Amino acid sequence: MSLYFHYIHNHITLNSGIFYLFCILFLSFLIFTRHFALNQFGTIQRILVHEKIF
Protein backbone atom coordinates (compact mmCIF):
# COMPACT_ATOMS: atom_id res chain seq x y z
CA MET A 1 0.00 0.00 0.00
CA SER A 2 2.73 2.48 0.92
CA LEU A 3 4.58 1.53 -2.27
CA TYR A 4 1.46 2.43 -4.25
CA PHE A 5 1.26 5.85 -2.58
CA HIS A 6 4.98 6.32 -3.14
CA TYR A 7 4.48 5.59 -6.84
CA ILE A 8 1.57 8.06 -7.06
CA HIS A 9 3.62 10.72 -5.25
CA ASN A 10 6.54 10.22 -7.63
CA HIS A 11 4.19 10.31 -10.61
CA ILE A 12 2.60 13.57 -9.43
CA THR A 13 5.95 15.25 -8.73
CA LEU A 14 7.24 14.11 -12.12
CA ASN A 15 4.16 15.53 -13.84
CA SER A 16 4.35 18.83 -11.97
CA GLY A 17 8.06 19.05 -12.82
CA ILE A 18 7.24 18.55 -16.49
CA PHE A 19 4.42 21.09 -16.15
CA TYR A 20 6.73 23.69 -14.57
CA LEU A 21 9.35 23.03 -17.25
CA PHE A 22 6.72 23.47 -19.94
CA CYS A 23 5.53 26.73 -18.34
CA ILE A 24 9.08 28.08 -18.20
CA LEU A 25 9.70 27.08 -21.81
CA PHE A 26 6.40 28.63 -22.89
CA LEU A 27 7.13 31.89 -21.05
CA SER A 28 10.62 32.15 -22.50
CA PHE A 29 9.17 31.39 -25.96
CA LEU A 30 6.58 34.16 -25.50
CA ILE A 31 9.20 36.65 -24.33
CA PHE A 32 11.50 35.70 -27.22
CA THR A 33 8.75 35.96 -29.85
CA ARG A 34 7.53 39.24 -28.40
CA HIS A 35 11.06 40.64 -28.42
CA PHE A 36 11.59 39.35 -31.96
CA ALA A 37 8.23 40.77 -33.10
CA LEU A 38 9.07 44.16 -31.59
CA ASN A 39 12.44 44.10 -33.36
CA GLN A 40 10.75 43.14 -36.62
CA PHE A 41 8.17 45.88 -36.14
CA GLY A 42 10.97 48.38 -35.56
CA THR A 43 12.70 47.26 -38.75
CA ILE A 44 9.46 47.45 -40.73
CA GLN A 45 8.77 50.91 -39.31
CA ARG A 46 12.28 52.02 -40.24
CA ILE A 47 11.84 50.66 -43.77
CA LEU A 48 8.47 52.44 -44.11
CA VAL A 49 9.93 55.72 -42.87
CA HIS A 50 12.88 55.24 -45.24
CA GLU A 51 10.48 54.62 -48.14
CA LYS A 52 8.45 57.71 -47.21
CA ILE A 53 11.52 59.92 -47.02
CA PHE A 54 12.81 58.73 -50.39
PDB file of N, CA and C in Angstrom:
ATOM      1  N   MET A   1       0.837  -1.207   0.000  1.00  0.00           N
ATOM      2  CA  MET A   1       0.000   0.000   0.000  1.00  0.00           C
ATOM      3  C   MET A   1       0.876   1.264   0.000  1.00  0.00           C
ATOM      4  N   SER A   2       1.873   1.297   0.861  1.00  0.00           N
ATOM      5  CA  SER A   2       2.732   2.479   0.921  1.00  0.00           C
ATOM      6  C   SER A   2       3.525   2.631  -0.376  1.00  0.00           C
ATOM      7  N   LEU A   3       3.858   1.504  -0.992  1.00  0.00           N
ATOM      8  CA  LEU A   3       4.582   1.531  -2.269  1.00  0.00           C
ATOM      9  C   LEU A   3       3.714   2.186  -3.335  1.00  0.00           C
ATOM     10  N   TYR A   4       2.425   1.866  -3.297  1.00  0.00           N
ATOM     11  CA  TYR A   4       1.460   2.428  -4.245  1.00  0.00           C
ATOM     12  C   TYR A   4       1.391   3.948  -4.091  1.00  0.00           C
ATOM     13  N   PHE A   5       1.316   4.402  -2.840  1.00  0.00           N
ATOM     14  CA  PHE A   5       1.262   5.847  -2.585  1.00  0.00           C
ATOM     15  C   PHE A   5       2.569   6.519  -3.005  1.00  0.00           C
ATOM     16  N   HIS A   6       3.671   5.812  -2.756  1.00  0.00           N
ATOM     17  CA  HIS A   6       4.983   6.324  -3.141  1.00  0.00           C
ATOM     18  C   HIS A   6       5.037   6.505  -4.659  1.00  0.00           C
ATOM     19  N   TYR A   7       4.504   5.537  -5.379  1.00  0.00           N
ATOM     20  CA  TYR A   7       4.479   5.592  -6.843  1.00  0.00           C
ATOM     21  C   TYR A   7       3.634   6.772  -7.308  1.00  0.00           C
ATOM     22  N   ILE A   8       2.462   6.949  -6.693  1.00  0.00           N
ATOM     23  CA  ILE A   8       1.568   8.060  -7.058  1.00  0.00           C
ATOM     24  C   ILE A   8       2.263   9.395  -6.783  1.00  0.00           C
ATOM     25  N   HIS A   9       2.920   9.493  -5.623  1.00  0.00           N
ATOM     26  CA  HIS A   9       3.618  10.720  -5.253  1.00  0.00           C
ATOM     27  C   HIS A   9       4.709  11.030  -6.279  1.00  0.00           C
ATOM     28  N   ASN A  10       5.485  10.033  -6.637  1.00  0.00           N
ATOM     29  CA  ASN A  10       6.541  10.224  -7.635  1.00  0.00           C
ATOM     30  C   ASN A  10       5.944  10.635  -8.968  1.00  0.00           C
ATOM     31  N   HIS A  11       4.854  10.009  -9.345  1.00  0.00           N
ATOM     32  CA  HIS A  11       4.193  10.307 -10.610  1.00  0.00           C
ATOM     33  C   HIS A  11       3.714  11.758 -10.629  1.00  0.00           C
ATOM     34  N   ILE A  12       3.117  12.202  -9.522  1.00  0.00           N
ATOM     35  CA  ILE A  12       2.599  13.573  -9.426  1.00  0.00           C
ATOM     36  C   ILE A  12       3.754  14.579  -9.484  1.00  0.00           C
ATOM     37  N   THR A  13       4.830  14.311  -8.732  1.00  0.00           N
ATOM     38  CA  THR A  13       5.954  15.247  -8.733  1.00  0.00           C
ATOM     39  C   THR A  13       6.600  15.299 -10.104  1.00  0.00           C
ATOM     40  N   LEU A  14       6.675  14.164 -10.769  1.00  0.00           N
ATOM     41  CA  LEU A  14       7.239  14.114 -12.118  1.00  0.00           C
ATOM     42  C   LEU A  14       6.387  14.950 -13.061  1.00  0.00           C
ATOM     43  N   ASN A  15       5.073  14.781 -12.972  1.00  0.00           N
ATOM     44  CA  ASN A  15       4.160  15.530 -13.839  1.00  0.00           C
ATOM     45  C   ASN A  15       4.249  17.025 -13.566  1.00  0.00           C
ATOM     46  N   SER A  16       4.285  17.407 -12.292  1.00  0.00           N
ATOM     47  CA  SER A  16       4.355  18.832 -11.966  1.00  0.00           C
ATOM     48  C   SER A  16       5.687  19.409 -12.428  1.00  0.00           C
ATOM     49  N   GLY A  17       6.753  18.604 -12.340  1.00  0.00           N
ATOM     50  CA  GLY A  17       8.055  19.052 -12.822  1.00  0.00           C
ATOM     51  C   GLY A  17       8.017  19.309 -14.310  1.00  0.00           C
ATOM     52  N   ILE A  18       7.391  18.396 -15.043  1.00  0.00           N
ATOM     53  CA  ILE A  18       7.242  18.553 -16.492  1.00  0.00           C
ATOM     54  C   ILE A  18       6.382  19.777 -16.782  1.00  0.00           C
ATOM     55  N   PHE A  19       5.329  19.955 -15.976  1.00  0.00           N
ATOM     56  CA  PHE A  19       4.422  21.093 -16.153  1.00  0.00           C
ATOM     57  C   PHE A  19       5.159  22.414 -15.937  1.00  0.00           C
ATOM     58  N   TYR A  20       5.974  22.470 -14.848  1.00  0.00           N
ATOM     59  CA  TYR A  20       6.734  23.689 -14.575  1.00  0.00           C
ATOM     60  C   TYR A  20       7.739  23.963 -15.685  1.00  0.00           C
ATOM     61  N   LEU A  21       8.382  22.892 -16.164  1.00  0.00           N
ATOM     62  CA  LEU A  21       9.352  23.026 -17.247  1.00  0.00           C
ATOM     63  C   LEU A  21       8.669  23.570 -18.496  1.00  0.00           C
ATOM     64  N   PHE A  22       7.483  23.021 -18.781  1.00  0.00           N
ATOM     65  CA  PHE A  22       6.717  23.465 -19.945  1.00  0.00           C
ATOM     66  C   PHE A  22       6.330  24.936 -19.798  1.00  0.00           C
ATOM     67  N   CYS A  23       5.910  25.332 -18.593  1.00  0.00           N
ATOM     68  CA  CYS A  23       5.526  26.726 -18.337  1.00  0.00           C
ATOM     69  C   CYS A  23       6.712  27.656 -18.567  1.00  0.00           C
ATOM     70  N   ILE A  24       7.875  27.260 -18.045  1.00  0.00           N
ATOM     71  CA  ILE A  24       9.079  28.078 -18.196  1.00  0.00           C
ATOM     72  C   ILE A  24       9.447  28.199 -19.669  1.00  0.00           C
ATOM     73  N   LEU A  25       9.386  27.075 -20.382  1.00  0.00           N
ATOM     74  CA  LEU A  25       9.700  27.084 -21.814  1.00  0.00           C
ATOM     75  C   LEU A  25       8.719  27.972 -22.570  1.00  0.00           C
ATOM     76  N   PHE A  26       7.437  27.846 -22.218  1.00  0.00           N
ATOM     77  CA  PHE A  26       6.401  28.628 -22.893  1.00  0.00           C
ATOM     78  C   PHE A  26       6.593  30.125 -22.645  1.00  0.00           C
ATOM     79  N   LEU A  27       6.912  30.481 -21.388  1.00  0.00           N
ATOM     80  CA  LEU A  27       7.126  31.886 -21.046  1.00  0.00           C
ATOM     81  C   LEU A  27       8.331  32.448 -21.787  1.00  0.00           C
ATOM     82  N   SER A  28       9.424  31.679 -21.803  1.00  0.00           N
ATOM     83  CA  SER A  28      10.619  32.145 -22.503  1.00  0.00           C
ATOM     84  C   SER A  28      10.343  32.275 -24.000  1.00  0.00           C
ATOM     85  N   PHE A  29       9.544  31.340 -24.538  1.00  0.00           N
ATOM     86  CA  PHE A  29       9.170  31.394 -25.955  1.00  0.00           C
ATOM     87  C   PHE A  29       8.355  32.653 -26.234  1.00  0.00           C
ATOM     88  N   LEU A  30       7.404  32.960 -25.338  1.00  0.00           N
ATOM     89  CA  LEU A  30       6.576  34.159 -25.500  1.00  0.00           C
ATOM     90  C   LEU A  30       7.431  35.417 -25.454  1.00  0.00           C
ATOM     91  N   ILE A  31       8.329  35.476 -24.474  1.00  0.00           N
ATOM     92  CA  ILE A  31       9.201  36.646 -24.329  1.00  0.00           C
ATOM     93  C   ILE A  31      10.072  36.802 -25.569  1.00  0.00           C
ATOM     94  N   PHE A  32      10.627  35.668 -26.043  1.00  0.00           N
ATOM     95  CA  PHE A  32      11.496  35.695 -27.224  1.00  0.00           C
ATOM     96  C   PHE A  32      10.728  36.161 -28.450  1.00  0.00           C
ATOM     97  N   THR A  33       9.533  35.595 -28.663  1.00  0.00           N
ATOM     98  CA  THR A  33       8.752  35.956 -29.850  1.00  0.00           C
ATOM     99  C   THR A  33       8.306  37.412 -29.772  1.00  0.00           C
ATOM    100  N   ARG A  34       7.952  37.859 -28.565  1.00  0.00           N
ATOM    101  CA  ARG A  34       7.528  39.245 -28.402  1.00  0.00           C
ATOM    102  C   ARG A  34       8.697  40.185 -28.715  1.00  0.00           C
ATOM    103  N   HIS A  35       9.862  39.856 -28.176  1.00  0.00           N
ATOM    104  CA  HIS A  35      11.065  40.645 -28.421  1.00  0.00           C
ATOM    105  C   HIS A  35      11.382  40.662 -29.911  1.00  0.00           C
ATOM    106  N   PHE A  36      11.304  39.485 -30.531  1.00  0.00           N
ATOM    107  CA  PHE A  36      11.587  39.354 -31.963  1.00  0.00           C
ATOM    108  C   PHE A  36      10.572  40.150 -32.779  1.00  0.00           C
ATOM    109  N   ALA A  37       9.292  40.055 -32.383  1.00  0.00           N
ATOM    110  CA  ALA A  37       8.229  40.767 -33.098  1.00  0.00           C
ATOM    111  C   ALA A  37       8.435  42.275 -32.977  1.00  0.00           C
ATOM    112  N   LEU A  38       8.816  42.735 -31.786  1.00  0.00           N
ATOM    113  CA  LEU A  38       9.067  44.161 -31.595  1.00  0.00           C
ATOM    114  C   LEU A  38      10.244  44.606 -32.455  1.00  0.00           C
ATOM    115  N   ASN A  39      11.289  43.777 -32.513  1.00  0.00           N
ATOM    116  CA  ASN A  39      12.440  44.099 -33.356  1.00  0.00           C
ATOM    117  C   ASN A  39      12.028  44.158 -34.816  1.00  0.00           C
ATOM    118  N   GLN A  40      11.228  43.180 -35.237  1.00  0.00           N
ATOM    119  CA  GLN A  40      10.753  43.137 -36.619  1.00  0.00           C
ATOM    120  C   GLN A  40       9.890  44.361 -36.920  1.00  0.00           C
ATOM    121  N   PHE A  41       9.031  44.715 -35.963  1.00  0.00           N
ATOM    122  CA  PHE A  41       8.168  45.878 -36.138  1.00  0.00           C
ATOM    123  C   PHE A  41       9.015  47.140 -36.289  1.00  0.00           C
ATOM    124  N   GLY A  42      10.063  47.239 -35.475  1.00  0.00           N
ATOM    125  CA  GLY A  42      10.972  48.379 -35.559  1.00  0.00           C
ATOM    126  C   GLY A  42      11.637  48.458 -36.918  1.00  0.00           C
ATOM    127  N   THR A  43      12.056  47.301 -37.432  1.00  0.00           N
ATOM    128  CA  THR A  43      12.704  47.263 -38.755  1.00  0.00           C
ATOM    129  C   THR A  43      11.713  47.656 -39.834  1.00  0.00           C
ATOM    130  N   ILE A  44      10.494  47.128 -39.740  1.00  0.00           N
ATOM    131  CA  ILE A  44       9.456  47.448 -40.733  1.00  0.00           C
ATOM    132  C   ILE A  44       9.150  48.946 -40.699  1.00  0.00           C
ATOM    133  N   GLN A  45       9.042  49.485 -39.475  1.00  0.00           N
ATOM    134  CA  GLN A  45       8.765  50.912 -39.314  1.00  0.00           C
ATOM    135  C   GLN A  45       9.889  51.741 -39.932  1.00  0.00           C
ATOM    136  N   ARG A  46      11.126  51.317 -39.687  1.00  0.00           N
ATOM    137  CA  ARG A  46      12.281  52.019 -40.237  1.00  0.00           C
ATOM    138  C   ARG A  46      12.246  51.987 -41.763  1.00  0.00           C
ATOM    139  N   ILE A  47      11.909  50.811 -42.309  1.00  0.00           N
ATOM    140  CA  ILE A  47      11.836  50.661 -43.769  1.00  0.00           C
ATOM    141  C   ILE A  47      10.745  51.570 -44.332  1.00  0.00           C
ATOM    142  N   LEU A  48       9.579  51.599 -43.649  1.00  0.00           N
ATOM    143  CA  LEU A  48       8.473  52.438 -44.114  1.00  0.00           C
ATOM    144  C   LEU A  48       8.858  53.912 -44.080  1.00  0.00           C
ATOM    145  N   VAL A  49       9.488  54.329 -42.994  1.00  0.00           N
ATOM    146  CA  VAL A  49       9.931  55.722 -42.870  1.00  0.00           C
ATOM    147  C   VAL A  49      10.947  56.032 -43.965  1.00  0.00           C
ATOM    148  N   HIS A  50      11.853  55.094 -44.191  1.00  0.00           N
ATOM    149  CA  HIS A  50      12.875  55.237 -45.235  1.00  0.00           C
ATOM    150  C   HIS A  50      12.215  55.388 -46.609  1.00  0.00           C
ATOM    151  N   GLU A  51      11.195  54.567 -46.855  1.00  0.00           N
ATOM    152  CA  GLU A  51      10.478  54.622 -48.139  1.00  0.00           C
ATOM    153  C   GLU A  51       9.723  55.944 -48.283  1.00  0.00           C
ATOM    154  N   LYS A  52       9.188  56.450 -47.169  1.00  0.00           N
ATOM    155  CA  LYS A  52       8.449  57.712 -47.209  1.00  0.00           C
ATOM    156  C   LYS A  52       9.386  58.878 -47.487  1.00  0.00           C
ATOM    157  N   ILE A  53      10.561  58.827 -46.858  1.00  0.00           N
ATOM    158  CA  ILE A  53      11.525  59.921 -47.022  1.00  0.00           C
ATOM    159  C   ILE A  53      11.997  59.965 -48.471  1.00  0.00           C
ATOM    160  N   PHE A  54      12.323  58.786 -49.009  1.00  0.00           N
ATOM    161  CA  PHE A  54      12.813  58.729 -50.388  1.00  0.00           C
ATOM    162  C   PHE A  54      11.676  58.389 -51.335  1.00  0.00           C
TER     163      PHE A  54
END
